């Protein structure tokens, strides 16, 4: 049977987890992908001590470690018997435990600091955002590819998540009865509104909102786009799942982002959380969200290569936390 393992291997995994700090690490890494620095700040322990605990858990197959440039991230194992055991241990721990509550509170603080850092970046660079995108293949090539992935339309309702300056709304407006751009930054929204007004696009509007909790009911849109958004996020899989929630059956999601790269300055100077994505990651997240991936398109560039993914909703929309539609 494939779900059984030798006694000595199971005992090794259990011994690896049977320590208070390591159980705390499992809980934290089940919630988020975290660096050693993140975990050191949350646990209040030295970096060498935390690193030793992480190594034991990784060696036992309970955690996964993956590098992005000079950073290393840790998360709960995603597959195999070690992943099953790790998930089971976390599920058996009470999140009301005083120590775990303290850890999760500090984790929230870490996440909040990251979000504020990204928000500051967007606020400071709102007027330059389109220029920054010139690091990759020409915008007109990317835009033509987006239109190709979406198809001919027409579409009733389109949502552009992380709309920035509203450029995609301008591009997609002729295909839609209604196109909405969502962004968290008020400065970005102000710029997008000015651009839409200048273009005279009456069927377009922008809203402020959180992409992890979209302010729309399930099955609200015929097409959703995520253009150069995921690499800023703590939880890109969660953003894909939330985008799938608001997609109508038969609707299409188009994602544009970078292939894996090693430009560390984008992390340091421009708040990039991820240095690109393997094609398989996006496909996996789409399938987990109830979407059927229908291929990708690679646009080689210097220094950055852009990849476009598209996926179609083929059944009932996944049920996630409800949201109230914003007034039009």
Foldseek 3Di string as FASTA:
>chain_A
DQLDDDPVLVVLLVVLCPDVLLLLVLLLQQVFWDFLVLSCQLVVDDSVVSVVSQVSNVVSQQKDWDDAAPTITIHGHDDDNSNVVSVVSNVPDDCPPPSNVSSVVSNVVVQVVLVVVLLVLCLVCLVCVVVVVVQWPDPVVVLVVVDVQQDDAQWAEEEEEQCRQVPNCVSNLVSYQAYEYEEQHPNRQVNNVVVCVVVVRPRYHYDYDDLLADQDFFQQTQEYEYEANQQLDRCSLSSLLSVLRNHHAFHKYKYKHWAADNPCVCCVPVNGNHRHDDPVVVCVSQVVSQWAWDDKDWAGTVPIIMMMTMTGRHDGGDDDDGHHHDDD
